[in-house]
N, C-alpha and C. Protein backbone atom coordinates (compact mmCIF):
# COMPACT_ATOMS: atom_id res chain seq x y z
N MET A 1 72.04 114.53 84.92
CA MET A 1 72.51 114.01 83.63
C MET A 1 74.03 113.90 83.63
N THR A 2 74.51 112.82 83.05
CA THR A 2 75.95 112.60 82.92
C THR A 2 76.42 113.24 81.62
N ARG A 3 77.43 114.10 81.71
CA ARG A 3 77.88 114.87 80.56
C ARG A 3 78.99 114.13 79.80
N VAL A 4 78.76 113.93 78.51
CA VAL A 4 79.69 113.21 77.64
C VAL A 4 80.18 114.14 76.54
N LEU A 5 81.49 114.18 76.32
CA LEU A 5 82.06 114.90 75.18
C LEU A 5 82.48 113.87 74.15
N LEU A 6 81.92 113.95 72.95
CA LEU A 6 82.29 113.07 71.85
C LEU A 6 83.19 113.82 70.88
N ILE A 7 84.41 113.33 70.68
CA ILE A 7 85.33 113.92 69.69
C ILE A 7 85.43 112.94 68.54
N ASP A 8 84.71 113.24 67.47
CA ASP A 8 84.60 112.34 66.32
C ASP A 8 84.12 113.16 65.14
N ASP A 9 84.78 113.00 63.98
CA ASP A 9 84.40 113.81 62.82
C ASP A 9 83.19 113.25 62.07
N ASP A 10 82.63 112.16 62.54
CA ASP A 10 81.42 111.59 61.94
C ASP A 10 80.20 112.26 62.57
N GLU A 11 79.71 113.32 61.91
CA GLU A 11 78.62 114.09 62.49
C GLU A 11 77.32 113.31 62.57
N ALA A 12 77.12 112.38 61.62
CA ALA A 12 75.92 111.54 61.66
C ALA A 12 75.94 110.65 62.90
N LEU A 13 77.12 110.11 63.23
CA LEU A 13 77.25 109.30 64.44
C LEU A 13 76.97 110.14 65.68
N GLY A 14 77.46 111.37 65.67
CA GLY A 14 77.23 112.26 66.80
C GLY A 14 75.75 112.50 67.05
N ALA A 15 75.01 112.74 65.96
CA ALA A 15 73.57 112.98 66.09
C ALA A 15 72.86 111.73 66.59
N LEU A 16 73.25 110.58 66.06
CA LEU A 16 72.63 109.32 66.49
C LEU A 16 72.89 109.06 67.98
N LEU A 17 74.14 109.23 68.40
CA LEU A 17 74.48 108.95 69.79
C LEU A 17 73.86 109.95 70.74
N ARG A 18 73.74 111.21 70.31
CA ARG A 18 73.11 112.20 71.19
C ARG A 18 71.68 111.80 71.52
N ASN A 19 70.94 111.35 70.53
CA ASN A 19 69.56 110.92 70.75
C ASN A 19 69.50 109.63 71.57
N TYR A 20 70.38 108.69 71.21
CA TYR A 20 70.32 107.38 71.87
C TYR A 20 70.76 107.46 73.33
N LEU A 21 71.89 108.14 73.58
CA LEU A 21 72.40 108.22 74.94
C LEU A 21 71.47 109.00 75.86
N GLY A 22 70.69 109.92 75.28
CA GLY A 22 69.75 110.68 76.08
C GLY A 22 68.73 109.81 76.79
N GLN A 23 68.46 108.63 76.23
CA GLN A 23 67.51 107.70 76.85
C GLN A 23 68.07 107.07 78.12
N PHE A 24 69.40 107.16 78.30
CA PHE A 24 70.04 106.50 79.44
C PHE A 24 70.65 107.51 80.41
N GLY A 25 70.21 108.74 80.35
CA GLY A 25 70.66 109.74 81.30
C GLY A 25 71.95 110.44 80.95
N PHE A 26 72.37 110.35 79.68
CA PHE A 26 73.57 111.05 79.23
C PHE A 26 73.19 112.24 78.37
N THR A 27 73.92 113.33 78.51
CA THR A 27 73.78 114.45 77.59
C THR A 27 75.11 114.59 76.84
N LEU A 28 75.04 114.52 75.51
CA LEU A 28 76.25 114.44 74.70
C LEU A 28 76.51 115.74 73.96
N THR A 29 77.76 116.18 74.00
CA THR A 29 78.22 117.34 73.23
C THR A 29 79.18 116.85 72.17
N PRO A 30 78.86 117.02 70.88
CA PRO A 30 79.77 116.55 69.82
C PRO A 30 80.81 117.60 69.45
N ALA A 31 82.00 117.14 69.12
CA ALA A 31 83.06 118.00 68.60
C ALA A 31 83.65 117.27 67.40
N ALA A 32 83.64 117.92 66.23
CA ALA A 32 84.01 117.24 64.98
C ALA A 32 85.50 117.30 64.68
N THR A 33 86.26 118.10 65.43
CA THR A 33 87.71 118.20 65.18
C THR A 33 88.46 118.10 66.51
N PRO A 34 89.72 117.69 66.46
CA PRO A 34 90.51 117.64 67.70
C PRO A 34 90.58 119.00 68.40
N GLU A 35 90.76 120.05 67.62
CA GLU A 35 90.89 121.39 68.21
C GLU A 35 89.62 121.81 68.94
N SER A 36 88.46 121.57 68.31
CA SER A 36 87.22 121.97 68.96
C SER A 36 86.96 121.12 70.21
N GLY A 37 87.34 119.84 70.16
CA GLY A 37 87.19 118.98 71.33
C GLY A 37 88.03 119.45 72.50
N LEU A 38 89.28 119.79 72.22
CA LEU A 38 90.17 120.27 73.28
C LEU A 38 89.69 121.61 73.84
N ARG A 39 89.15 122.47 72.95
CA ARG A 39 88.60 123.74 73.43
C ARG A 39 87.42 123.50 74.36
N GLN A 40 86.53 122.58 73.96
CA GLN A 40 85.36 122.27 74.79
C GLN A 40 85.79 121.77 76.16
N LEU A 41 86.82 120.94 76.18
CA LEU A 41 87.27 120.35 77.44
C LEU A 41 87.91 121.41 78.34
N ARG A 42 88.54 122.41 77.73
CA ARG A 42 89.11 123.50 78.53
C ARG A 42 88.04 124.43 79.06
N ALA A 43 86.97 124.60 78.26
CA ALA A 43 85.95 125.60 78.59
C ALA A 43 84.88 125.07 79.53
N ASP A 44 84.70 123.75 79.58
CA ASP A 44 83.58 123.19 80.33
C ASP A 44 84.02 121.91 81.05
N THR A 45 83.13 121.37 81.86
CA THR A 45 83.42 120.17 82.63
C THR A 45 82.59 119.00 82.12
N TYR A 46 83.23 117.88 81.90
CA TYR A 46 82.55 116.68 81.41
C TYR A 46 82.86 115.50 82.32
N ASP A 47 81.92 114.57 82.38
CA ASP A 47 82.11 113.38 83.21
C ASP A 47 82.95 112.32 82.51
N ILE A 48 82.90 112.32 81.18
CA ILE A 48 83.61 111.30 80.41
C ILE A 48 83.76 111.77 78.97
N VAL A 49 84.81 111.32 78.31
CA VAL A 49 85.08 111.67 76.91
C VAL A 49 85.07 110.39 76.07
N VAL A 50 84.42 110.46 74.91
CA VAL A 50 84.49 109.39 73.92
C VAL A 50 85.31 109.94 72.76
N LEU A 51 86.43 109.29 72.47
CA LEU A 51 87.42 109.85 71.55
C LEU A 51 87.72 108.87 70.42
N ASP A 52 87.52 109.31 69.18
CA ASP A 52 87.83 108.48 68.02
C ASP A 52 89.32 108.53 67.72
N VAL A 53 89.86 107.41 67.27
CA VAL A 53 91.28 107.37 66.89
C VAL A 53 91.52 108.10 65.57
N MET A 54 90.64 107.86 64.58
CA MET A 54 90.83 108.42 63.25
C MET A 54 90.20 109.81 63.16
N LEU A 55 91.03 110.84 63.32
CA LEU A 55 90.57 112.22 63.31
C LEU A 55 91.37 113.04 62.30
N PRO A 56 90.79 114.10 61.76
CA PRO A 56 91.53 114.94 60.80
C PRO A 56 92.55 115.83 61.49
N GLY A 57 93.76 115.85 60.97
CA GLY A 57 94.78 116.77 61.48
C GLY A 57 95.59 116.25 62.65
N MET A 58 94.96 115.52 63.55
CA MET A 58 95.63 115.01 64.74
C MET A 58 94.93 113.72 65.15
N ASP A 59 95.67 112.63 65.26
CA ASP A 59 94.98 111.39 65.59
C ASP A 59 94.57 111.35 67.05
N GLY A 60 93.69 110.43 67.37
CA GLY A 60 93.13 110.37 68.71
C GLY A 60 94.16 110.13 69.79
N PHE A 61 95.24 109.41 69.48
CA PHE A 61 96.27 109.16 70.48
C PHE A 61 96.96 110.47 70.88
N ALA A 62 97.23 111.32 69.89
CA ALA A 62 97.85 112.62 70.18
C ALA A 62 96.89 113.49 70.99
N VAL A 63 95.60 113.44 70.64
CA VAL A 63 94.60 114.20 71.40
C VAL A 63 94.56 113.71 72.84
N LEU A 64 94.59 112.40 73.03
CA LEU A 64 94.56 111.84 74.38
C LEU A 64 95.77 112.29 75.19
N ARG A 65 96.93 112.30 74.58
CA ARG A 65 98.12 112.76 75.30
C ARG A 65 97.98 114.23 75.70
N ARG A 66 97.38 115.03 74.83
CA ARG A 66 97.13 116.44 75.16
C ARG A 66 96.17 116.54 76.35
N ILE A 67 95.12 115.73 76.34
CA ILE A 67 94.15 115.73 77.44
C ILE A 67 94.84 115.39 78.75
N ARG A 68 95.67 114.35 78.71
CA ARG A 68 96.31 113.85 79.93
C ARG A 68 97.35 114.80 80.50
N GLU A 69 97.75 115.81 79.74
CA GLU A 69 98.69 116.79 80.27
C GLU A 69 98.08 117.59 81.42
N SER A 70 96.74 117.72 81.43
CA SER A 70 96.13 118.57 82.45
C SER A 70 94.80 118.06 82.97
N ASN A 71 94.32 116.91 82.49
CA ASN A 71 92.97 116.48 82.83
C ASN A 71 92.94 114.96 83.02
N SER A 72 92.30 114.51 84.11
CA SER A 72 92.20 113.08 84.40
C SER A 72 90.82 112.53 84.07
N VAL A 73 90.03 113.27 83.28
CA VAL A 73 88.68 112.82 82.92
C VAL A 73 88.76 111.43 82.26
N PRO A 74 87.84 110.51 82.60
CA PRO A 74 87.85 109.20 81.96
C PRO A 74 87.67 109.32 80.45
N VAL A 75 88.40 108.48 79.69
CA VAL A 75 88.35 108.52 78.23
C VAL A 75 88.11 107.11 77.69
N VAL A 76 87.08 106.97 76.85
CA VAL A 76 86.82 105.74 76.12
C VAL A 76 87.20 106.01 74.67
N MET A 77 88.09 105.19 74.11
CA MET A 77 88.55 105.39 72.74
C MET A 77 87.76 104.51 71.77
N LEU A 78 87.49 105.06 70.60
CA LEU A 78 86.86 104.31 69.52
C LEU A 78 87.93 103.97 68.50
N THR A 79 88.20 102.68 68.32
CA THR A 79 89.23 102.25 67.38
C THR A 79 88.56 101.69 66.12
N ALA A 80 88.92 102.22 64.98
CA ALA A 80 88.24 101.87 63.73
C ALA A 80 88.35 100.38 63.40
N ARG A 81 89.49 99.80 63.70
CA ARG A 81 89.70 98.40 63.33
C ARG A 81 89.66 97.45 64.52
N GLY A 82 89.79 97.99 65.72
CA GLY A 82 89.82 97.14 66.89
C GLY A 82 91.09 96.33 66.98
N GLU A 83 92.17 96.81 66.34
CA GLU A 83 93.42 96.06 66.31
C GLU A 83 94.12 96.12 67.66
N VAL A 84 94.89 95.08 67.93
CA VAL A 84 95.63 95.01 69.19
C VAL A 84 96.55 96.21 69.35
N THR A 85 97.22 96.62 68.27
CA THR A 85 98.15 97.74 68.34
C THR A 85 97.44 99.01 68.79
N ASP A 86 96.26 99.28 68.22
CA ASP A 86 95.50 100.46 68.61
C ASP A 86 95.13 100.41 70.09
N ARG A 87 94.75 99.23 70.55
CA ARG A 87 94.36 99.09 71.96
C ARG A 87 95.53 99.38 72.88
N ILE A 88 96.69 98.82 72.54
CA ILE A 88 97.86 99.01 73.38
C ILE A 88 98.29 100.47 73.41
N ILE A 89 98.33 101.11 72.24
CA ILE A 89 98.72 102.52 72.18
C ILE A 89 97.74 103.37 72.99
N GLY A 90 96.45 103.08 72.86
CA GLY A 90 95.46 103.83 73.61
C GLY A 90 95.65 103.68 75.11
N LEU A 91 95.89 102.47 75.58
CA LEU A 91 96.10 102.23 77.00
C LEU A 91 97.38 102.91 77.48
N GLU A 92 98.44 102.83 76.66
CA GLU A 92 99.70 103.46 77.04
C GLU A 92 99.58 104.98 77.09
N SER A 93 98.66 105.52 76.29
CA SER A 93 98.48 106.98 76.25
C SER A 93 97.55 107.47 77.36
N GLY A 94 96.92 106.53 78.08
CA GLY A 94 96.10 106.94 79.21
C GLY A 94 94.61 106.72 79.05
N ALA A 95 94.20 105.90 78.08
CA ALA A 95 92.77 105.60 77.91
C ALA A 95 92.28 104.71 79.05
N ASP A 96 91.01 104.85 79.40
CA ASP A 96 90.41 104.01 80.44
C ASP A 96 89.72 102.79 79.85
N ASP A 97 89.33 102.86 78.61
CA ASP A 97 88.66 101.74 77.95
C ASP A 97 88.70 102.01 76.45
N TYR A 98 88.31 101.01 75.66
CA TYR A 98 88.26 101.20 74.22
C TYR A 98 87.11 100.37 73.67
N LEU A 99 86.63 100.77 72.51
CA LEU A 99 85.52 100.08 71.86
C LEU A 99 85.78 100.07 70.36
N PRO A 100 85.87 98.88 69.74
CA PRO A 100 86.13 98.81 68.30
C PRO A 100 84.91 99.23 67.48
N LYS A 101 85.15 99.95 66.39
CA LYS A 101 84.10 100.26 65.43
C LYS A 101 84.02 99.14 64.39
N PRO A 102 82.84 98.86 63.86
CA PRO A 102 81.54 99.40 64.25
C PRO A 102 81.07 98.79 65.57
N PHE A 103 80.20 99.50 66.28
CA PHE A 103 79.71 99.01 67.56
C PHE A 103 78.22 99.28 67.68
N GLU A 104 77.60 98.54 68.58
CA GLU A 104 76.21 98.77 68.90
C GLU A 104 76.13 99.88 69.95
N PRO A 105 75.27 100.88 69.77
CA PRO A 105 75.18 101.95 70.77
C PRO A 105 74.96 101.44 72.19
N ARG A 106 74.25 100.32 72.32
CA ARG A 106 74.00 99.78 73.66
C ARG A 106 75.29 99.33 74.32
N GLU A 107 76.25 98.84 73.50
CA GLU A 107 77.53 98.45 74.08
C GLU A 107 78.30 99.67 74.57
N LEU A 108 78.20 100.78 73.85
CA LEU A 108 78.84 102.00 74.31
C LEU A 108 78.26 102.43 75.65
N VAL A 109 76.94 102.34 75.79
CA VAL A 109 76.30 102.68 77.06
C VAL A 109 76.88 101.83 78.18
N ALA A 110 77.04 100.53 77.92
CA ALA A 110 77.59 99.62 78.93
C ALA A 110 79.01 100.01 79.30
N ARG A 111 79.80 100.37 78.28
CA ARG A 111 81.19 100.77 78.54
C ARG A 111 81.23 102.06 79.38
N LEU A 112 80.39 103.03 79.02
CA LEU A 112 80.36 104.29 79.77
C LEU A 112 79.98 104.04 81.23
N HIS A 113 78.95 103.23 81.43
CA HIS A 113 78.52 102.92 82.80
C HIS A 113 79.64 102.23 83.57
N ALA A 114 80.35 101.30 82.92
CA ALA A 114 81.40 100.55 83.59
C ALA A 114 82.55 101.46 84.01
N VAL A 115 82.98 102.35 83.11
CA VAL A 115 84.08 103.26 83.42
C VAL A 115 83.67 104.22 84.54
N LEU A 116 82.48 104.77 84.45
CA LEU A 116 82.02 105.70 85.48
C LEU A 116 81.83 105.00 86.82
N ARG A 117 81.39 103.75 86.78
CA ARG A 117 81.20 102.99 88.01
C ARG A 117 82.53 102.75 88.70
N ARG A 118 83.57 102.50 87.92
CA ARG A 118 84.89 102.26 88.51
C ARG A 118 85.41 103.48 89.23
N GLY A 119 85.02 104.66 88.75
CA GLY A 119 85.51 105.89 89.39
C GLY A 119 84.53 106.53 90.34
N SER A 120 83.47 105.81 90.69
CA SER A 120 82.40 106.41 91.49
C SER A 120 82.66 106.39 92.97
N GLY A 121 83.72 105.67 93.42
CA GLY A 121 83.97 105.60 94.84
C GLY A 121 83.02 104.67 95.57
N ALA A 122 82.51 103.65 94.86
CA ALA A 122 81.58 102.72 95.49
C ALA A 122 82.26 101.89 96.58
N GLU A 123 83.57 101.68 96.48
CA GLU A 123 84.31 100.94 97.49
C GLU A 123 84.51 101.83 98.72
N PRO A 124 84.84 101.22 99.88
CA PRO A 124 85.13 102.02 101.08
C PRO A 124 86.21 103.05 100.79
N ASP A 125 86.09 104.22 101.46
CA ASP A 125 86.97 105.34 101.14
C ASP A 125 88.18 105.46 102.05
N GLU A 126 88.46 104.44 102.89
CA GLU A 126 89.61 104.52 103.78
C GLU A 126 90.90 104.63 102.99
N VAL A 127 91.81 105.47 103.48
CA VAL A 127 93.12 105.59 102.86
C VAL A 127 93.85 104.26 102.97
N VAL A 128 94.49 103.84 101.88
CA VAL A 128 95.21 102.57 101.83
C VAL A 128 96.70 102.88 101.80
N ARG A 129 97.45 102.26 102.73
CA ARG A 129 98.90 102.47 102.80
C ARG A 129 99.62 101.16 102.54
N ALA A 130 100.66 101.24 101.72
CA ALA A 130 101.49 100.08 101.44
C ALA A 130 102.94 100.56 101.40
N GLY A 131 103.57 100.57 102.56
CA GLY A 131 104.91 101.12 102.64
C GLY A 131 104.92 102.60 102.31
N ALA A 132 105.74 102.98 101.32
CA ALA A 132 105.83 104.39 100.94
C ALA A 132 104.66 104.85 100.09
N LEU A 133 103.83 103.90 99.65
CA LEU A 133 102.69 104.21 98.77
C LEU A 133 101.44 104.50 99.61
N VAL A 134 100.77 105.62 99.28
CA VAL A 134 99.51 105.98 99.95
C VAL A 134 98.48 106.28 98.88
N LEU A 135 97.33 105.61 98.96
CA LEU A 135 96.23 105.81 98.02
C LEU A 135 95.01 106.31 98.75
N ASN A 136 94.42 107.39 98.25
CA ASN A 136 93.22 107.97 98.85
C ASN A 136 92.05 107.80 97.89
N PRO A 137 91.15 106.82 98.12
CA PRO A 137 90.03 106.59 97.21
C PRO A 137 89.07 107.77 97.12
N SER A 138 88.94 108.57 98.19
CA SER A 138 88.01 109.71 98.16
C SER A 138 88.44 110.75 97.15
N THR A 139 89.73 111.05 97.13
CA THR A 139 90.25 112.06 96.20
C THR A 139 90.87 111.43 94.96
N ARG A 140 90.95 110.08 94.96
CA ARG A 140 91.58 109.32 93.88
C ARG A 140 92.99 109.86 93.60
N SER A 141 93.73 110.02 94.68
CA SER A 141 95.10 110.52 94.58
C SER A 141 96.07 109.48 95.12
N ALA A 142 97.32 109.56 94.65
CA ALA A 142 98.35 108.62 95.06
C ALA A 142 99.65 109.36 95.30
N THR A 143 100.37 108.94 96.34
CA THR A 143 101.68 109.51 96.63
C THR A 143 102.66 108.40 96.96
N VAL A 144 103.94 108.64 96.66
CA VAL A 144 105.03 107.77 97.05
C VAL A 144 106.05 108.62 97.78
N ASP A 145 106.32 108.27 99.04
CA ASP A 145 107.20 109.08 99.89
C ASP A 145 106.73 110.53 99.93
N GLY A 146 105.42 110.73 99.89
CA GLY A 146 104.84 112.07 99.99
C GLY A 146 104.76 112.83 98.68
N ALA A 147 105.35 112.28 97.62
CA ALA A 147 105.31 112.95 96.31
C ALA A 147 104.15 112.41 95.49
N ALA A 148 103.35 113.32 94.93
CA ALA A 148 102.18 112.90 94.16
C ALA A 148 102.60 112.25 92.85
N ILE A 149 101.87 111.20 92.45
CA ILE A 149 102.07 110.59 91.14
C ILE A 149 100.77 110.68 90.36
N ALA A 150 100.87 111.03 89.09
CA ALA A 150 99.69 111.23 88.24
C ALA A 150 99.26 109.90 87.65
N LEU A 151 98.04 109.47 87.97
CA LEU A 151 97.51 108.21 87.46
C LEU A 151 96.22 108.44 86.70
N THR A 152 96.01 107.66 85.65
CA THR A 152 94.71 107.67 84.98
C THR A 152 93.72 106.93 85.88
N GLY A 153 92.43 107.02 85.53
CA GLY A 153 91.42 106.34 86.32
C GLY A 153 91.64 104.84 86.37
N ALA A 154 91.96 104.24 85.22
CA ALA A 154 92.18 102.80 85.16
C ALA A 154 93.41 102.40 85.95
N GLU A 155 94.48 103.20 85.88
CA GLU A 155 95.70 102.89 86.63
C GLU A 155 95.43 102.95 88.13
N PHE A 156 94.68 103.97 88.56
CA PHE A 156 94.37 104.10 89.99
C PHE A 156 93.57 102.90 90.47
N ASP A 157 92.57 102.49 89.69
CA ASP A 157 91.74 101.35 90.08
C ASP A 157 92.57 100.08 90.22
N LEU A 158 93.49 99.85 89.29
CA LEU A 158 94.32 98.66 89.32
C LEU A 158 95.26 98.69 90.53
N LEU A 159 95.90 99.83 90.77
CA LEU A 159 96.83 99.93 91.89
C LEU A 159 96.09 99.81 93.22
N LEU A 160 94.91 100.39 93.30
CA LEU A 160 94.11 100.29 94.52
C LEU A 160 93.71 98.84 94.80
N LEU A 161 93.33 98.13 93.75
CA LEU A 161 92.96 96.71 93.91
C LEU A 161 94.15 95.91 94.44
N LEU A 162 95.34 96.12 93.86
CA LEU A 162 96.53 95.41 94.32
C LEU A 162 96.87 95.78 95.76
N ALA A 163 96.72 97.07 96.10
CA ALA A 163 97.05 97.53 97.45
C ALA A 163 96.09 96.96 98.48
N ARG A 164 94.83 96.83 98.11
CA ARG A 164 93.85 96.28 99.06
C ARG A 164 94.05 94.78 99.28
N HIS A 165 94.80 94.15 98.37
CA HIS A 165 95.12 92.73 98.52
C HIS A 165 96.63 92.55 98.64
N ARG A 166 97.25 93.46 99.32
CA ARG A 166 98.71 93.46 99.45
C ARG A 166 99.23 92.12 99.96
N GLY A 167 100.25 91.60 99.30
CA GLY A 167 100.84 90.33 99.70
C GLY A 167 100.14 89.11 99.13
N ARG A 168 99.07 89.34 98.33
CA ARG A 168 98.34 88.24 97.72
C ARG A 168 98.43 88.34 96.20
N VAL A 169 98.57 87.21 95.55
CA VAL A 169 98.67 87.18 94.09
C VAL A 169 97.28 87.27 93.49
N LEU A 170 97.10 88.19 92.53
CA LEU A 170 95.84 88.33 91.81
C LEU A 170 96.07 87.96 90.35
N SER A 171 95.26 87.03 89.86
CA SER A 171 95.39 86.61 88.46
C SER A 171 94.88 87.71 87.54
N ARG A 172 95.28 87.62 86.26
CA ARG A 172 94.79 88.60 85.29
C ARG A 172 93.27 88.53 85.18
N ASP A 173 92.71 87.31 85.19
CA ASP A 173 91.27 87.17 85.07
C ASP A 173 90.55 87.86 86.22
N ARG A 174 91.08 87.71 87.43
CA ARG A 174 90.44 88.36 88.57
C ARG A 174 90.56 89.88 88.47
N ILE A 175 91.74 90.34 88.06
CA ILE A 175 91.92 91.78 87.91
C ILE A 175 90.95 92.35 86.88
N LEU A 176 90.82 91.67 85.74
CA LEU A 176 89.88 92.10 84.70
C LEU A 176 88.46 92.13 85.23
N ASP A 177 88.08 91.09 85.97
CA ASP A 177 86.72 91.00 86.48
C ASP A 177 86.42 92.11 87.47
N GLU A 178 87.38 92.42 88.35
CA GLU A 178 87.12 93.39 89.41
C GLU A 178 87.29 94.83 88.97
N THR A 179 88.14 95.07 87.97
CA THR A 179 88.34 96.45 87.53
C THR A 179 87.56 96.81 86.28
N ARG A 180 87.21 95.81 85.47
CA ARG A 180 86.53 96.08 84.20
C ARG A 180 85.08 95.65 84.21
N GLY A 181 84.75 94.60 84.96
CA GLY A 181 83.38 94.12 84.97
C GLY A 181 83.15 93.01 83.97
N ALA A 182 81.99 92.38 84.06
CA ALA A 182 81.70 91.20 83.23
C ALA A 182 81.58 91.53 81.75
N ASP A 183 81.34 92.81 81.41
CA ASP A 183 81.17 93.17 80.01
C ASP A 183 82.51 93.39 79.30
N TRP A 184 83.62 93.25 80.03
CA TRP A 184 84.94 93.51 79.45
C TRP A 184 85.42 92.31 78.64
N ASP A 185 85.95 92.58 77.47
CA ASP A 185 86.55 91.54 76.65
C ASP A 185 87.85 91.09 77.30
N SER A 186 87.97 89.81 77.59
CA SER A 186 89.14 89.31 78.32
C SER A 186 90.38 89.43 77.46
N TYR A 187 91.13 90.49 77.70
CA TYR A 187 92.29 90.83 76.88
C TYR A 187 93.47 91.07 77.81
N ASP A 188 94.26 90.01 78.06
CA ASP A 188 95.29 90.05 79.08
C ASP A 188 96.31 91.16 78.88
N ARG A 189 96.63 91.47 77.62
CA ARG A 189 97.70 92.44 77.35
C ARG A 189 97.38 93.81 77.95
N SER A 190 96.12 94.16 78.08
CA SER A 190 95.77 95.46 78.64
C SER A 190 96.26 95.57 80.08
N ILE A 191 96.16 94.50 80.85
CA ILE A 191 96.65 94.52 82.22
C ILE A 191 98.17 94.64 82.23
N ASP A 192 98.85 93.90 81.36
CA ASP A 192 100.31 93.98 81.28
C ASP A 192 100.77 95.41 80.97
N VAL A 193 100.07 96.05 80.05
CA VAL A 193 100.44 97.42 79.67
C VAL A 193 100.29 98.36 80.86
N MET A 194 99.18 98.24 81.59
CA MET A 194 98.97 99.13 82.73
C MET A 194 99.96 98.85 83.85
N ILE A 195 100.30 97.58 84.07
CA ILE A 195 101.31 97.25 85.07
C ILE A 195 102.64 97.90 84.72
N SER A 196 103.00 97.83 83.43
CA SER A 196 104.25 98.45 82.98
C SER A 196 104.23 99.96 83.23
N ARG A 197 103.09 100.62 82.92
CA ARG A 197 102.99 102.06 83.15
C ARG A 197 103.07 102.39 84.64
N LEU A 198 102.41 101.58 85.47
CA LEU A 198 102.45 101.82 86.91
C LEU A 198 103.88 101.69 87.44
N ARG A 199 104.61 100.70 86.97
CA ARG A 199 105.99 100.53 87.42
C ARG A 199 106.83 101.76 87.08
N GLN A 200 106.64 102.29 85.88
CA GLN A 200 107.38 103.48 85.49
C GLN A 200 107.05 104.65 86.40
N LYS A 201 105.77 104.83 86.69
CA LYS A 201 105.35 105.97 87.51
C LYS A 201 105.76 105.80 88.97
N LEU A 202 105.84 104.55 89.44
CA LEU A 202 106.26 104.28 90.81
C LEU A 202 107.77 104.25 90.95
N GLY A 203 108.48 104.27 89.82
CA GLY A 203 109.94 104.18 89.84
C GLY A 203 110.40 102.79 90.26
N ASP A 204 109.62 101.78 89.88
CA ASP A 204 109.89 100.41 90.31
C ASP A 204 110.88 99.72 89.38
N ASP A 205 111.74 98.89 89.94
CA ASP A 205 112.70 98.10 89.17
C ASP A 205 112.10 96.72 88.93
N VAL A 206 111.95 96.34 87.66
CA VAL A 206 111.32 95.05 87.33
C VAL A 206 112.09 93.88 87.95
N LYS A 207 113.42 93.96 87.95
CA LYS A 207 114.24 92.86 88.46
C LYS A 207 114.23 92.80 89.98
N ARG A 208 114.18 93.95 90.62
CA ARG A 208 114.13 93.99 92.09
C ARG A 208 113.02 94.94 92.51
N PRO A 209 111.77 94.52 92.33
CA PRO A 209 110.64 95.43 92.57
C PRO A 209 110.44 95.78 94.04
N SER A 210 110.15 97.04 94.28
CA SER A 210 109.77 97.49 95.61
C SER A 210 108.26 97.47 95.79
N PHE A 211 107.54 97.45 94.67
CA PHE A 211 106.08 97.51 94.76
C PHE A 211 105.41 96.32 94.07
N ILE A 212 105.46 96.26 92.74
CA ILE A 212 104.66 95.26 92.02
C ILE A 212 105.54 94.10 91.55
N ARG A 213 105.18 92.90 91.98
CA ARG A 213 105.89 91.70 91.57
C ARG A 213 105.06 90.92 90.55
N THR A 214 105.75 90.32 89.58
CA THR A 214 105.11 89.42 88.62
C THR A 214 105.41 87.99 89.02
N LEU A 215 104.37 87.18 89.13
CA LEU A 215 104.56 85.76 89.39
C LEU A 215 104.15 85.01 88.13
N ARG A 216 105.14 84.53 87.42
CA ARG A 216 104.92 83.94 86.10
C ARG A 216 103.84 82.86 86.13
N GLY A 217 102.87 83.03 85.24
CA GLY A 217 101.79 82.07 85.13
C GLY A 217 100.71 82.21 86.19
N LYS A 218 100.90 83.14 87.14
CA LYS A 218 99.92 83.30 88.22
C LYS A 218 99.27 84.68 88.23
N GLY A 219 100.08 85.72 88.07
CA GLY A 219 99.50 87.05 88.08
C GLY A 219 100.43 88.07 88.70
N TYR A 220 99.84 89.05 89.40
CA TYR A 220 100.60 90.16 89.97
C TYR A 220 100.28 90.31 91.45
N MET A 221 101.24 90.90 92.18
CA MET A 221 101.07 91.11 93.61
C MET A 221 101.78 92.39 94.02
N LEU A 222 101.10 93.15 94.87
CA LEU A 222 101.79 94.29 95.50
C LEU A 222 102.55 93.73 96.69
N THR A 223 103.87 93.87 96.67
CA THR A 223 104.70 93.23 97.67
C THR A 223 104.34 93.67 99.08
N ALA A 224 104.46 92.74 100.01
CA ALA A 224 104.19 93.04 101.41
C ALA A 224 105.42 93.57 102.10
N ASP A 225 106.57 93.55 101.40
CA ASP A 225 107.82 94.06 101.98
C ASP A 225 107.83 95.58 101.96
N GLU A 226 108.46 96.18 102.93
CA GLU A 226 108.59 97.63 102.94
C GLU A 226 109.57 98.06 101.86
N PRO A 227 109.21 99.09 101.04
CA PRO A 227 110.14 99.57 100.00
C PRO A 227 111.43 100.08 100.64
């Protein structure tokens, strides 16, 4: 069974999802407050977290930042309005995916499967090297000049995709298709946000990039030049 932690103060939703997700091989633990959710995550191990934005006392973005201080567990955010701003903040805070409320439970199942599939190591596990950058798909770890960099699951998947196609331009549509799957809503800004975060973590200069280049109107490329 795949273990899911739901942090949402809607207890009726928690009961509904616990029964529904059980049909698809998920076992769900509900937490009605940010504090109880964080305690559960410290006390036990979960495969994925479903996190609501609108929470009492502490919003979901703050909870996500707390999670990311010590845990790389995949996180799917529930945004009450599905607004672009909420999506961007969630991605910048380290979310792996988001789902606007209200939603069909079957769509949540699809999102959970997609996020877990991206982190399952289905691709070959050979270490990928691109100059000073080294990516290990088996451990899902990344280093630059031997120093570890902390990446979310979505960031690692995107960087690995670029590294495996080093020196080739990948369009946003292709990146979305290969990292998110066919069920992903084609939302270009999410890729831009993750590219920006990756540049910060890699210490890359936008004007003179050592790693990720932007080709206007075409997409992104991991440079073939040595940093």
